[in-house]
C-alpha atoms as a PDB file:
ATOM      1  CA  MET A   1      20.439  -2.568 -22.363  1.00  0.00           C
ATOM      2  CA  ASP A   2      17.190  -2.945 -19.890  1.00  0.00           C
ATOM      3  CA  ILE A   3      17.128  -7.191 -20.069  1.00  0.00           C
ATOM      4  CA  TYR A   4      13.563  -7.018 -18.465  1.00  0.00           C
ATOM      5  CA  ARG A   5      12.099  -4.748 -20.644  1.00  0.00           C
ATOM      6  CA  ASN A   6      13.485  -5.992 -23.794  1.00  0.00           C
ATOM      7  CA  ALA A   7      13.523  -9.824 -23.115  1.00  0.00           C
ATOM      8  CA  VAL A   8      12.093 -10.963 -20.093  1.00  0.00           C
ATOM      9  CA  LYS A   9       8.630  -8.871 -20.166  1.00  0.00           C
ATOM     10  CA  PRO A  10       7.853  -9.779 -24.002  1.00  0.00           C
ATOM     11  CA  ILE A  11       8.171 -13.558 -23.057  1.00  0.00           C
ATOM     12  CA  LEU A  12       6.063 -12.982 -19.759  1.00  0.00           C
ATOM     13  CA  PHE A  13       3.302 -10.620 -21.416  1.00  0.00           C
ATOM     14  CA  TYR A  14       3.041 -12.007 -24.913  1.00  0.00           C
ATOM     15  CA  GLY A  15       4.762 -15.383 -25.436  1.00  0.00           C
ATOM     16  CA  LEU A  16       3.459 -17.362 -22.053  1.00  0.00           C
ATOM     17  CA  LYS A  17       0.927 -14.876 -21.402  1.00  0.00           C
ATOM     18  CA  ILE A  18       1.427 -15.382 -17.570  1.00  0.00           C
ATOM     19  CA  ASP A  19      -1.649 -14.858 -15.384  1.00  0.00           C
ATOM     20  CA  PRO A  20      -1.090 -11.222 -13.503  1.00  0.00           C
ATOM     21  CA  GLU A  21      -2.098 -12.237 -10.147  1.00  0.00           C
ATOM     22  CA  TRP A  22      -0.166 -15.542 -10.457  1.00  0.00           C
ATOM     23  CA  ALA A  23       2.960 -13.540 -11.210  1.00  0.00           C
ATOM     24  CA  HIS A  24       2.437 -11.277  -8.509  1.00  0.00           C
ATOM     25  CA  HIS A  25       1.846 -13.960  -6.030  1.00  0.00           C
ATOM     26  CA  ARG A  26       5.093 -16.012  -7.302  1.00  0.00           C
ATOM     27  CA  ALA A  27       7.263 -12.708  -7.171  1.00  0.00           C
ATOM     28  CA  LEU A  28       6.070 -12.152  -3.282  1.00  0.00           C
ATOM     29  CA  GLN A  29       6.998 -15.631  -2.464  1.00  0.00           C
ATOM     30  CA  VAL A  30       9.968 -15.362  -4.004  1.00  0.00           C
ATOM     31  CA  LEU A  31      10.583 -12.069  -2.282  1.00  0.00           C
ATOM     32  CA  SER A  32       9.467 -13.380   1.109  1.00  0.00           C
ATOM     33  CA  TRP A  33      11.752 -15.982   1.117  1.00  0.00           C
ATOM     34  CA  ILE A  34      14.676 -13.749   0.477  1.00  0.00           C
ATOM     35  CA  ASP A  35      13.548 -11.644   3.240  1.00  0.00           C
ATOM     36  CA  GLN A  36      13.240 -14.310   5.645  1.00  0.00           C
ATOM     37  CA  ASN A  37      16.892 -15.594   4.964  1.00  0.00           C
ATOM     38  CA  GLN A  38      18.746 -12.264   4.473  1.00  0.00           C
ATOM     39  CA  SER A  39      20.929 -13.139   7.410  1.00  0.00           C
ATOM     40  CA  GLU A  40      22.108 -16.077   6.006  1.00  0.00           C
ATOM     41  CA  SER A  41      25.446 -15.811   4.253  1.00  0.00           C
ATOM     42  CA  PRO A  42      24.519 -16.321   0.544  1.00  0.00           C
ATOM     43  CA  MET A  43      21.784 -14.045   0.921  1.00  0.00           C
ATOM     44  CA  ASN A  44      23.773 -11.719   2.502  1.00  0.00           C
ATOM     45  CA  TRP A  45      26.313 -11.845   0.383  1.00  0.00           C
ATOM     46  CA  LEU A  46      23.991 -11.241  -2.986  1.00  0.00           C
ATOM     47  CA  GLU A  47      22.746  -8.074  -1.156  1.00  0.00           C
ATOM     48  CA  THR A  48      25.931  -6.654  -0.635  1.00  0.00           C
ATOM     49  CA  GLN A  49      26.630  -7.357  -4.343  1.00  0.00           C
ATOM     50  CA  LEU A  50      23.378  -5.870  -5.651  1.00  0.00           C
ATOM     51  CA  LYS A  51      23.047  -2.747  -3.497  1.00  0.00           C
ATOM     52  CA  PRO A  52      25.271  -0.607  -4.849  1.00  0.00           C
ATOM     53  CA  SER A  53      23.236  -0.874  -8.412  1.00  0.00           C
ATOM     54  CA  LEU A  54      19.498  -1.097  -6.606  1.00  0.00           C
ATOM     55  CA  CYS A  55      20.246   1.807  -4.257  1.00  0.00           C
ATOM     56  CA  LEU A  56      21.180   5.071  -4.785  1.00  0.00           C
ATOM     57  CA  HIS A  57      22.308   7.439  -1.688  1.00  0.00           C
ATOM     58  CA  ASP A  58      22.363  10.793  -2.822  1.00  0.00           C
ATOM     59  CA  ILE A  59      21.706  13.364  -0.022  1.00  0.00           C
ATOM     60  CA  ARG A  60      20.190  15.719  -2.555  1.00  0.00           C
ATOM     61  CA  LEU A  61      17.014  12.885  -2.390  1.00  0.00           C
ATOM     62  CA  GLN A  62      16.938  12.761   1.046  1.00  0.00           C
ATOM     63  CA  GLN A  63      14.322  14.498   3.167  1.00  0.00           C
ATOM     64  CA  LYS A  64      12.929  14.547   6.879  1.00  0.00           C
ATOM     65  CA  LEU A  65       9.364  14.996   7.012  1.00  0.00           C
ATOM     66  CA  TRP A  66       6.761  14.411   9.664  1.00  0.00           C
ATOM     67  CA  GLY A  67       9.825  13.250  11.598  1.00  0.00           C
ATOM     68  CA  LEU A  68      10.706  10.285   9.303  1.00  0.00           C
ATOM     69  CA  ASN A  69      13.867  10.205   7.212  1.00  0.00           C
ATOM     70  CA  PHE A  70      13.177   9.390   3.389  1.00  0.00           C
ATOM     71  CA  THR A  71      16.604   8.301   1.867  1.00  0.00           C
ATOM     72  CA  ASN A  72      14.592   8.908  -1.701  1.00  0.00           C
ATOM     73  CA  PRO A  73      11.257  10.103  -2.683  1.00  0.00           C
ATOM     74  CA  VAL A  74      10.408   6.775  -4.441  1.00  0.00           C
ATOM     75  CA  GLY A  75       8.498   4.233  -2.508  1.00  0.00           C
ATOM     76  CA  LEU A  76       6.655   1.153  -3.064  1.00  0.00           C
ATOM     77  CA  ALA A  77       2.829   1.901  -2.839  1.00  0.00           C
ATOM     78  CA  ALA A  78       0.190  -0.057  -1.119  1.00  0.00           C
ATOM     79  CA  GLY A  79      -1.218  -2.945  -3.052  1.00  0.00           C
ATOM     80  CA  PHE A  80       1.978  -5.020  -3.970  1.00  0.00           C
ATOM     81  CA  ASP A  81       2.984  -6.042  -0.417  1.00  0.00           C
ATOM     82  CA  LYS A  82      -0.506  -6.261   1.356  1.00  0.00           C
ATOM     83  CA  ASP A  83       0.376  -8.531   4.050  1.00  0.00           C
ATOM     84  CA  GLY A  84       3.803  -7.481   4.840  1.00  0.00           C
ATOM     85  CA  VAL A  85       5.627 -10.782   3.780  1.00  0.00           C
ATOM     86  CA  ALA A  86       8.604  -9.253   2.206  1.00  0.00           C
ATOM     87  CA  ALA A  87       8.382  -6.055   4.223  1.00  0.00           C
ATOM     88  CA  ARG A  88      12.242  -5.866   5.209  1.00  0.00           C
ATOM     89  CA  ILE A  89      13.215  -6.768   1.542  1.00  0.00           C
ATOM     90  CA  TRP A  90      12.144  -2.836  -0.391  1.00  0.00           C
ATOM     91  CA  GLN A  91      15.011  -1.189   1.619  1.00  0.00           C
ATOM     92  CA  SER A  92      17.334  -3.298  -0.191  1.00  0.00           C
ATOM     93  CA  LEU A  93      15.699  -2.633  -3.557  1.00  0.00           C
ATOM     94  CA  GLY A  94      16.217   0.850  -3.281  1.00  0.00           C
ATOM     95  CA  PHE A  95      12.926   2.228  -2.540  1.00  0.00           C
ATOM     96  CA  GLY A  96      12.839   5.080  -0.050  1.00  0.00           C
ATOM     97  CA  PHE A  97       9.710   3.912   1.834  1.00  0.00           C
ATOM     98  CA  THR A  98       7.105   1.286   1.428  1.00  0.00           C
ATOM     99  CA  GLU A  99       3.487   0.973   2.407  1.00  0.00           C
ATOM    100  CA  LEU A 100       1.962  -2.521   3.309  1.00  0.00           C
ATOM    101  CA  GLY A 101      -1.622  -2.929   2.947  1.00  0.00           C
ATOM    102  CA  THR A 102      -4.442  -2.314   2.246  1.00  0.00           C
ATOM    103  CA  VAL A 103      -5.319  -4.501   5.492  1.00  0.00           C
ATOM    104  CA  THR A 104      -8.639  -4.739   6.878  1.00  0.00           C
ATOM    105  CA  LEU A 105      -9.740  -5.889  10.657  1.00  0.00           C
ATOM    106  CA  HIS A 106     -11.000  -8.964   9.389  1.00  0.00           C
ATOM    107  CA  PRO A 107      -9.349 -11.336   6.944  1.00  0.00           C
ATOM    108  CA  GLN A 108     -11.038 -11.363   3.448  1.00  0.00           C
ATOM    109  CA  PRO A 109     -10.609 -13.091   0.317  1.00  0.00           C
ATOM    110  CA  GLY A 110     -11.263 -10.088  -1.987  1.00  0.00           C
ATOM    111  CA  ASN A 111     -13.295 -10.262  -5.175  1.00  0.00           C
ATOM    112  CA  PRO A 112     -13.877 -13.376  -7.310  1.00  0.00           C
ATOM    113  CA  GLN A 113     -10.885 -14.276  -9.657  1.00  0.00           C
ATOM    114  CA  PRO A 114      -9.910 -13.147 -12.536  1.00  0.00           C
ATOM    115  CA  ARG A 115      -9.625  -9.664 -10.779  1.00  0.00           C
ATOM    116  CA  LEU A 116      -6.272  -8.254 -12.265  1.00  0.00           C
ATOM    117  CA  PHE A 117      -5.965  -7.575 -16.145  1.00  0.00           C
ATOM    118  CA  ARG A 118      -3.278  -6.547 -18.309  1.00  0.00           C
ATOM    119  CA  LEU A 119      -4.356  -4.067 -20.731  1.00  0.00           C
ATOM    120  CA  VAL A 120      -1.454  -4.533 -23.253  1.00  0.00           C
ATOM    121  CA  GLU A 121      -2.015  -2.118 -25.605  1.00  0.00           C
ATOM    122  CA  ASP A 122      -2.515   0.852 -23.013  1.00  0.00           C
ATOM    123  CA  GLU A 123       0.210  -0.682 -20.947  1.00  0.00           C
ATOM    124  CA  ALA A 124      -2.053  -0.599 -17.869  1.00  0.00           C
ATOM    125  CA  ILE A 125      -3.308  -2.944 -15.375  1.00  0.00           C
ATOM    126  CA  LEU A 126      -7.223  -3.258 -14.454  1.00  0.00           C
ATOM    127  CA  ASN A 127      -7.621  -4.046 -10.879  1.00  0.00           C
ATOM    128  CA  ARG A 128     -10.534  -5.421  -9.264  1.00  0.00           C
ATOM    129  CA  MET A 129      -9.128  -6.882  -6.065  1.00  0.00           C
ATOM    130  CA  GLY A 130     -11.195  -6.213  -3.427  1.00  0.00           C
ATOM    131  CA  PHE A 131      -9.072  -5.772  -0.224  1.00  0.00           C
ATOM    132  CA  ASN A 132      -7.674  -9.397  -0.329  1.00  0.00           C
ATOM    133  CA  ASN A 133      -5.690  -9.638   2.813  1.00  0.00           C
ATOM    134  CA  GLN A 134      -5.093 -11.816   5.761  1.00  0.00           C
ATOM    135  CA  GLY A 135      -6.049  -9.627   8.348  1.00  0.00           C
ATOM    136  CA  ALA A 136      -4.775  -6.823  10.597  1.00  0.00           C
ATOM    137  CA  LYS A 137      -3.748  -9.364  13.247  1.00  0.00           C
ATOM    138  CA  ILE A 138      -1.766 -11.208  11.203  1.00  0.00           C
ATOM    139  CA  LEU A 139      -0.088  -8.486   9.641  1.00  0.00           C
ATOM    140  CA  ALA A 140       0.665  -7.001  13.631  1.00  0.00           C
ATOM    141  CA  GLN A 141       2.158 -10.473  14.300  1.00  0.00           C
ATOM    142  CA  ARG A 142       4.629 -10.325  11.309  1.00  0.00           C
ATOM    143  CA  LEU A 143       5.698  -7.074  11.788  1.00  0.00           C
ATOM    144  CA  GLN A 144       6.273  -7.800  15.224  1.00  0.00           C
ATOM    145  CA  GLU A 145       8.704 -10.295  14.217  1.00  0.00           C
ATOM    146  CA  LYS A 146      10.445  -8.316  11.275  1.00  0.00           C
ATOM    147  CA  ARG A 147      10.618  -4.827  13.885  1.00  0.00           C
ATOM    148  CA  GLN A 148      13.236  -7.099  15.860  1.00  0.00           C
ATOM    149  CA  GLN A 149      15.825  -6.002  12.944  1.00  0.00           C
ATOM    150  CA  LYS A 150      15.814  -2.389  12.273  1.00  0.00           C
ATOM    151  CA  PHE A 151      13.980  -0.823   9.513  1.00  0.00           C
ATOM    152  CA  ILE A 152      16.072   1.774   7.314  1.00  0.00           C
ATOM    153  CA  ILE A 153      13.147   3.396   5.442  1.00  0.00           C
ATOM    154  CA  PRO A 154       9.696   4.555   6.713  1.00  0.00           C
ATOM    155  CA  VAL A 155       6.875   1.864   6.749  1.00  0.00           C
ATOM    156  CA  GLY A 156       3.686   2.989   6.245  1.00  0.00           C
ATOM    157  CA  ILE A 157       0.462   0.919   6.641  1.00  0.00           C
ATOM    158  CA  ASN A 158      -2.840   1.491   4.551  1.00  0.00           C
ATOM    159  CA  LEU A 159      -5.928   0.603   6.115  1.00  0.00           C
ATOM    160  CA  GLY A 160      -9.191  -0.278   4.790  1.00  0.00           C
ATOM    161  CA  LYS A 161     -12.748  -1.419   5.815  1.00  0.00           C
ATOM    162  CA  SER A 162     -13.533  -4.689   5.909  1.00  0.00           C
ATOM    163  CA  LYS A 163     -16.229  -6.002   3.232  1.00  0.00           C
ATOM    164  CA  ILE A 164     -18.402  -7.427   6.044  1.00  0.00           C
ATOM    165  CA  THR A 165     -18.763  -4.287   8.236  1.00  0.00           C
ATOM    166  CA  PRO A 166     -21.564  -1.973   7.544  1.00  0.00           C
ATOM    167  CA  LEU A 167     -21.098   1.430   6.716  1.00  0.00           C
ATOM    168  CA  GLU A 168     -22.098   2.847   9.921  1.00  0.00           C
ATOM    169  CA  ALA A 169     -19.693   0.999  11.982  1.00  0.00           C
ATOM    170  CA  ALA A 170     -16.673   1.934   9.673  1.00  0.00           C
ATOM    171  CA  ALA A 171     -14.950   4.349  12.295  1.00  0.00           C
ATOM    172  CA  GLU A 172     -14.977   0.973  14.775  1.00  0.00           C
ATOM    173  CA  ASP A 173     -13.930  -1.005  11.734  1.00  0.00           C
ATOM    174  CA  TYR A 174     -10.760   1.034  10.994  1.00  0.00           C
ATOM    175  CA  LEU A 175      -9.985   1.852  14.857  1.00  0.00           C
ATOM    176  CA  GLY A 176      -9.900  -2.101  15.543  1.00  0.00           C
ATOM    177  CA  SER A 177      -7.056  -2.446  12.609  1.00  0.00           C
ATOM    178  CA  PHE A 178      -5.169   0.787  14.264  1.00  0.00           C
ATOM    179  CA  LYS A 179      -5.049  -0.497  17.921  1.00  0.00           C
ATOM    180  CA  LEU A 180      -3.567  -3.797  16.614  1.00  0.00           C
ATOM    181  CA  LEU A 181      -1.123  -2.109  14.224  1.00  0.00           C
ATOM    182  CA  LYS A 182      -0.564   1.358  15.613  1.00  0.00           C
ATOM    183  CA  ASN A 183       2.946   0.232  17.222  1.00  0.00           C
ATOM    184  CA  TYR A 184       4.249  -1.089  13.861  1.00  0.00           C
ATOM    185  CA  GLY A 185       3.609   1.511  11.269  1.00  0.00           C
ATOM    186  CA  ASP A 186       5.778   4.907  10.674  1.00  0.00           C
ATOM    187  CA  TYR A 187       2.794   6.713   9.586  1.00  0.00           C
ATOM    188  CA  PHE A 188      -0.894   5.284   8.641  1.00  0.00           C
ATOM    189  CA  VAL A 189      -3.335   5.640   5.485  1.00  0.00           C
ATOM    190  CA  VAL A 190      -7.326   5.916   5.752  1.00  0.00           C
ATOM    191  CA  ASN A 191      -8.121   4.334   2.375  1.00  0.00           C
ATOM    192  CA  VAL A 192     -11.597   5.316   1.841  1.00  0.00           C
ATOM    193  CA  SER A 193     -11.259   5.439  -2.052  1.00  0.00           C
ATOM    194  CA  SER A 194     -10.894   2.185  -3.246  1.00  0.00           C
ATOM    195  CA  PRO A 195     -13.481   1.521  -6.195  1.00  0.00           C
ATOM    196  CA  ASN A 196     -13.642  -2.404  -5.374  1.00  0.00           C
ATOM    197  CA  THR A 197     -15.425  -2.552  -2.093  1.00  0.00           C
ATOM    198  CA  PRO A 198     -19.038  -1.798  -2.212  1.00  0.00           C
ATOM    199  CA  GLY A 199     -19.843   1.719  -0.409  1.00  0.00           C
ATOM    200  CA  LEU A 200     -16.255   2.606   0.536  1.00  0.00           C
ATOM    201  CA  ARG A 201     -15.788   5.715  -1.619  1.00  0.00           C
ATOM    202  CA  SER A 202     -19.249   7.136   0.401  1.00  0.00           C
ATOM    203  CA  LEU A 203     -16.941   7.427   3.326  1.00  0.00           C
ATOM    204  CA  GLN A 204     -15.082  10.025   1.625  1.00  0.00           C
ATOM    205  CA  ASP A 205     -18.454  12.224   2.329  1.00  0.00           C
ATOM    206  CA  ALA A 206     -16.910  14.874   5.188  1.00  0.00           C
ATOM    207  CA  GLU A 207     -19.372  13.837   7.603  1.00  0.00           C
ATOM    208  CA  GLN A 208     -18.652   9.900   7.521  1.00  0.00           C
ATOM    209  CA  LEU A 209     -14.663  10.469   7.140  1.00  0.00           C
ATOM    210  CA  SER A 210     -14.782  12.585  10.129  1.00  0.00           C
ATOM    211  CA  LYS A 211     -16.128  10.076  12.210  1.00  0.00           C
ATOM    212  CA  ILE A 212     -12.849   7.714  11.416  1.00  0.00           C
ATOM    213  CA  ILE A 213     -10.921  10.717  11.901  1.00  0.00           C
ATOM    214  CA  GLN A 214     -11.845  11.633  15.227  1.00  0.00           C
ATOM    215  CA  VAL A 215     -11.245   8.068  16.414  1.00  0.00           C
ATOM    216  CA  LEU A 216      -8.092   7.266  15.209  1.00  0.00           C
ATOM    217  CA  LYS A 217      -6.967  10.749  16.260  1.00  0.00           C
ATOM    218  CA  THR A 218      -8.143   9.576  19.801  1.00  0.00           C
ATOM    219  CA  GLU A 219      -6.333   6.250  19.800  1.00  0.00           C
ATOM    220  CA  ASN A 220      -3.237   7.966  17.948  1.00  0.00           C
ATOM    221  CA  THR A 221      -1.176   8.955  21.363  1.00  0.00           C
ATOM    222  CA  ASP A 222       2.330   8.460  19.798  1.00  0.00           C
ATOM    223  CA  ASN A 223       1.131  11.252  16.924  1.00  0.00           C
ATOM    224  CA  LYS A 224       1.884   9.125  13.999  1.00  0.00           C
ATOM    225  CA  PRO A 225       1.181  10.864  11.001  1.00  0.00           C
ATOM    226  CA  ILE A 226      -2.414   9.801   9.321  1.00  0.00           C
ATOM    227  CA  PHE A 227      -3.076  10.533   6.007  1.00  0.00           C
ATOM    228  CA  ILE A 228      -6.422  10.467   3.759  1.00  0.00           C
ATOM    229  CA  LYS A 229      -6.250   8.247   0.591  1.00  0.00           C
ATOM    230  CA  ILE A 230      -8.856   9.993  -2.018  1.00  0.00           C
ATOM    231  CA  ALA A 231     -10.201   9.100  -5.011  1.00  0.00           C
ATOM    232  CA  PRO A 232      -9.295  10.730  -8.583  1.00  0.00           C
ATOM    233  CA  ASP A 233     -12.821  11.135  -9.730  1.00  0.00           C
ATOM    234  CA  LEU A 234     -13.831  13.488  -6.432  1.00  0.00           C
ATOM    235  CA  GLU A 235     -15.319  16.445  -7.659  1.00  0.00           C
ATOM    236  CA  TRP A 236     -13.973  19.538  -6.316  1.00  0.00           C
ATOM    237  CA  ASP A 237     -16.504  20.509  -3.826  1.00  0.00           C
ATOM    238  CA  ALA A 238     -15.868  17.180  -2.365  1.00  0.00           C
ATOM    239  CA  ILE A 239     -12.073  17.645  -2.573  1.00  0.00           C
ATOM    240  CA  ALA A 240     -12.356  20.930  -0.877  1.00  0.00           C
ATOM    241  CA  ASP A 241     -13.956  19.253   1.667  1.00  0.00           C
ATOM    242  CA  VAL A 242     -11.758  16.706   2.651  1.00  0.00           C
ATOM    243  CA  VAL A 243      -8.699  19.120   2.488  1.00  0.00           C
ATOM    244  CA  GLN A 244     -10.728  21.260   5.162  1.00  0.00           C
ATOM    245  CA  LEU A 245     -11.332  18.381   7.366  1.00  0.00           C
ATOM    246  CA  SER A 246      -7.414  17.576   6.926  1.00  0.00           C
ATOM    247  CA  GLN A 247      -6.624  20.987   8.191  1.00  0.00           C
ATOM    248  CA  THR A 248      -9.448  20.840  10.821  1.00  0.00           C
ATOM    249  CA  TYR A 249      -7.601  17.539  12.461  1.00  0.00           C
ATOM    250  CA  LYS A 250      -4.008  18.768  11.502  1.00  0.00           C
ATOM    251  CA  LEU A 251      -3.593  15.362   9.617  1.00  0.00           C
ATOM    252  CA  ALA A 252      -0.154  14.851   7.949  1.00  0.00           C
ATOM    253  CA  GLY A 253      -1.756  15.147   4.415  1.00  0.00           C
ATOM    254  CA  ILE A 254      -3.444  13.470   1.491  1.00  0.00           C
ATOM    255  CA  ILE A 255      -2.408  10.849  -0.505  1.00  0.00           C
ATOM    256  CA  ALA A 256      -3.539  11.437  -4.281  1.00  0.00           C
ATOM    257  CA  THR A 257      -4.971   9.258  -5.903  1.00  0.00           C
ATOM    258  CA  ASN A 258      -6.469   5.516  -5.708  1.00  0.00           C
ATOM    259  CA  THR A 259      -7.823   3.576  -8.895  1.00  0.00           C
ATOM    260  CA  THR A 260     -10.278   5.774 -11.191  1.00  0.00           C
ATOM    261  CA  ILE A 261     -13.413   4.220 -12.370  1.00  0.00           C
ATOM    262  CA  LYS A 262     -13.171   6.060 -15.599  1.00  0.00           C
ATOM    263  CA  ARG A 263     -12.110   4.368 -18.840  1.00  0.00           C
ATOM    264  CA  ASP A 264     -11.509   7.405 -21.027  1.00  0.00           C
ATOM    265  CA  GLY A 265      -8.940   7.048 -23.606  1.00  0.00           C
ATOM    266  CA  LEU A 266      -8.287   3.490 -23.310  1.00  0.00           C
ATOM    267  CA  LYS A 267      -7.918   1.089 -26.276  1.00  0.00           C
ATOM    268  CA  THR A 268      -8.576  -1.815 -24.653  1.00  0.00           C
ATOM    269  CA  GLN A 269     -12.262  -2.386 -23.874  1.00  0.00           C
ATOM    270  CA  TRP A 270     -13.565  -4.131 -20.734  1.00  0.00           C
END
């Protein structure tokens, strides 16, 4: 029996009606504490007991891509652990990789609350977060400390544009984050597709995107894999342009996709 789905989830969603962002923060606080205390005897023992049920090691699931070893194809997407506060715990929960961020060069609070909503009838979440994060410098400091112990799964870092940075200076903004974090990520994602930062999606235009990729490729002397994350609402011609750009600059690939702005088929009205 799925205890969470049948017992815990109904209480949280329908009974207590816990605010989703509050629940997110509380979960991260607990996981961050466990992450920081993994080497302590009680936590070490608990991790040993839980690993067999949480971590599936099967050679059929393993892949080596871009020089990185993925234990399985299921990873933690960007958005959950934006500031890397629980960066080491995800490998103990069975994930094959983790992606931290989205992180911006400048710390920012994100959009006004409330900004995360449960669409209960649709079994979905509506997200208007707006890249709330502590900034690239803090994430770099945190990962420098956590990297003293080995990660057994690839750690990606998702880069976004700071809200205070004008669109014409976007390339320098992404570059600033990359310079701070390039030694701590196994791969990097250029996020130009969130609908919650004004004007960001315009950076998916091939000319604008090319400026960002050029400066990152020049700085990327260690040849870390770089991906572009695109929106699900792009027209086919725009997608073709991004694909062409990815081939021109020999990028690792495209991550599809970010959050849609469409509301087709939803039962819940917002």
